[in-house]
N, C-alpha and C. Protein backbone atom coordinates (compact mmCIF):
# COMPACT_ATOMS: atom_id res chain seq x y z
N MET A 1 0.81 -1.15 0.15
CA MET A 1 -0.03 0.02 0.11
C MET A 1 0.76 1.32 -0.15
N ALA A 2 0.52 2.56 -1.09
CA ALA A 2 1.02 3.09 -1.38
C ALA A 2 0.53 4.80 -0.18
N ILE A 3 1.13 5.74 0.05
CA ILE A 3 1.24 6.88 0.66
C ILE A 3 -0.35 7.41 0.00
N ASP A 4 -1.15 7.75 0.56
CA ASP A 4 -2.36 8.29 -0.21
C ASP A 4 -1.66 9.87 -0.46
N LYS A 5 -2.10 10.57 -1.80
CA LYS A 5 -1.95 11.32 -2.52
C LYS A 5 -2.20 12.60 -1.35
N GLU A 6 -3.56 12.44 -1.18
CA GLU A 6 -3.97 13.36 0.07
C GLU A 6 -3.39 13.85 0.78
N LEU A 7 -2.81 13.33 1.70
CA LEU A 7 -1.47 12.84 2.76
C LEU A 7 0.04 13.68 2.71
N LEU A 8 0.46 13.18 1.02
CA LEU A 8 1.43 14.23 1.00
C LEU A 8 0.96 15.24 0.39
N GLU A 9 -0.09 15.57 -0.01
CA GLU A 9 0.03 17.29 -0.20
C GLU A 9 -0.20 18.06 1.03
N ILE A 10 -0.85 17.38 1.99
CA ILE A 10 -0.25 18.34 3.38
C ILE A 10 0.75 18.01 4.35
N LEU A 11 1.49 17.21 3.68
CA LEU A 11 2.81 16.85 4.23
C LEU A 11 3.97 18.06 3.61
N ALA A 12 4.37 18.61 5.04
CA ALA A 12 6.25 19.02 4.83
C ALA A 12 7.06 18.76 5.81
N CYS A 13 7.82 19.30 5.36
CA CYS A 13 9.17 18.91 6.10
C CYS A 13 9.19 19.44 7.62
N PRO A 14 9.79 18.72 8.36
CA PRO A 14 9.18 19.52 9.75
C PRO A 14 10.50 20.60 10.01
N LYS A 15 11.42 20.18 9.43
CA LYS A 15 12.85 21.49 9.65
C LYS A 15 12.71 22.45 9.05
N CYS A 16 12.19 22.59 7.36
CA CYS A 16 12.23 23.89 7.02
C CYS A 16 10.51 24.32 6.75
N LYS A 17 9.57 23.40 6.71
CA LYS A 17 8.23 23.85 6.54
C LYS A 17 8.10 23.46 5.11
N GLY A 18 9.42 23.42 4.21
CA GLY A 18 8.70 23.06 3.05
C GLY A 18 8.16 22.03 2.29
N PRO A 19 8.57 21.97 0.94
CA PRO A 19 7.44 20.88 0.50
C PRO A 19 8.13 19.20 0.53
N ILE A 20 7.77 18.18 0.22
CA ILE A 20 8.39 16.70 0.25
C ILE A 20 8.23 16.06 -1.05
N GLU A 21 8.44 15.55 -1.53
CA GLU A 21 8.54 13.97 -2.34
C GLU A 21 8.66 12.79 -1.66
N LEU A 22 7.64 12.20 -2.73
CA LEU A 22 8.08 10.53 -2.08
C LEU A 22 8.98 9.87 -3.04
N GLN A 23 9.98 9.05 -2.85
CA GLN A 23 10.49 8.48 -3.74
C GLN A 23 10.08 8.10 -4.41
N GLU A 24 10.66 7.80 -5.63
CA GLU A 24 10.62 6.57 -6.91
C GLU A 24 10.17 5.07 -6.12
N ASP A 25 11.54 4.84 -5.21
CA ASP A 25 10.96 3.42 -5.03
C ASP A 25 9.87 3.53 -3.52
N GLY A 26 9.38 4.63 -3.34
CA GLY A 26 8.51 4.68 -2.56
C GLY A 26 8.72 4.52 -1.25
N LYS A 27 10.31 4.27 -0.57
CA LYS A 27 10.51 3.99 0.43
C LYS A 27 11.12 5.42 1.91
N GLY A 28 10.59 6.08 0.84
CA GLY A 28 10.84 7.61 1.86
C GLY A 28 10.88 8.89 1.22
N LEU A 29 11.00 9.83 2.11
CA LEU A 29 10.00 11.56 1.83
C LEU A 29 11.49 12.10 1.70
N THR A 30 11.51 13.03 0.45
CA THR A 30 12.67 13.82 0.44
C THR A 30 12.27 15.27 0.72
N CYS A 31 13.18 15.85 1.19
CA CYS A 31 13.14 17.40 1.16
C CYS A 31 14.54 17.85 0.27
N ASP A 32 13.95 18.17 -0.99
CA ASP A 32 15.41 19.04 -1.36
C ASP A 32 16.02 20.23 -0.54
N THR A 33 15.12 21.35 0.22
CA THR A 33 15.46 22.52 0.19
C THR A 33 17.24 21.81 1.89
N CYS A 34 16.49 21.07 2.83
CA CYS A 34 17.01 20.09 3.60
C CYS A 34 18.32 19.28 3.31
N ARG A 35 18.19 19.03 2.20
CA ARG A 35 18.99 18.00 1.24
C ARG A 35 18.69 16.38 2.39
N LEU A 36 17.25 16.26 3.42
CA LEU A 36 16.76 15.71 4.43
C LEU A 36 16.54 14.11 3.52
N ARG A 37 16.07 12.87 4.13
CA ARG A 37 14.96 11.74 3.32
C ARG A 37 14.67 11.38 5.19
N TYR A 38 13.76 11.21 4.98
CA TYR A 38 12.44 10.18 5.74
C TYR A 38 12.17 8.57 5.72
N ARG A 39 12.27 8.39 6.40
CA ARG A 39 11.75 7.10 5.80
C ARG A 39 10.99 6.73 6.23
N ILE A 40 10.06 6.00 5.08
CA ILE A 40 8.48 5.28 5.39
C ILE A 40 8.74 3.54 6.07
N GLU A 41 7.86 3.66 6.95
CA GLU A 41 7.48 2.41 7.79
C GLU A 41 6.39 1.98 7.50
N ASP A 42 6.07 0.68 7.28
CA ASP A 42 4.43 0.01 7.05
C ASP A 42 3.70 1.20 6.74
N ASP A 43 4.58 1.80 5.71
CA ASP A 43 2.85 2.87 5.13
C ASP A 43 2.93 4.14 5.96
N ILE A 44 4.10 4.33 7.13
CA ILE A 44 3.57 5.33 7.67
C ILE A 44 5.09 6.48 7.91
N PRO A 45 5.16 6.97 7.59
CA PRO A 45 6.20 8.47 7.46
C PRO A 45 6.77 8.34 8.95
N ILE A 46 7.70 8.69 8.86
CA ILE A 46 8.43 8.81 10.00
C ILE A 46 9.36 9.94 9.87
N MET A 47 8.70 11.48 10.81
CA MET A 47 8.84 12.94 10.32
C MET A 47 9.67 13.43 11.07
N LEU A 48 10.78 12.71 11.80
CA LEU A 48 11.32 12.77 12.73
C LEU A 48 12.92 13.58 12.26
N ILE A 49 13.16 14.70 12.72
CA ILE A 49 14.36 15.66 12.22
C ILE A 49 15.49 14.72 12.79
N ASP A 50 15.48 13.92 13.79
CA ASP A 50 16.77 13.58 14.39
C ASP A 50 16.87 11.89 13.45
N GLU A 51 15.73 10.98 13.03
CA GLU A 51 15.12 9.89 12.42
C GLU A 51 15.93 10.47 11.01
N ALA A 52 16.04 11.47 10.33
CA ALA A 52 15.93 11.41 8.79
C ALA A 52 17.62 11.40 8.47
N GLU A 53 17.62 10.67 7.07
CA GLU A 53 18.82 10.85 7.16
C GLU A 53 19.24 11.92 5.95
N GLU A 54 20.73 12.58 5.91
CA GLU A 54 21.33 13.07 4.72
C GLU A 54 21.82 12.85 3.40
N ILE A 55 20.97 13.61 2.62
CA ILE A 55 21.35 12.81 1.16
C ILE A 55 22.48 13.60 0.02
């Protein structure tokens, strides 16, 4: 199951409050401004700055 499109429209990067995009593989959300990747586990985005990976 993928993340709902309506949810993606309202989600924002917790660090800069900018837009985020779903990665092509569907395993994470990326913020191009902060260069951070937020992983998705069991169809739930983990939107914690401390848990994000730098890209």
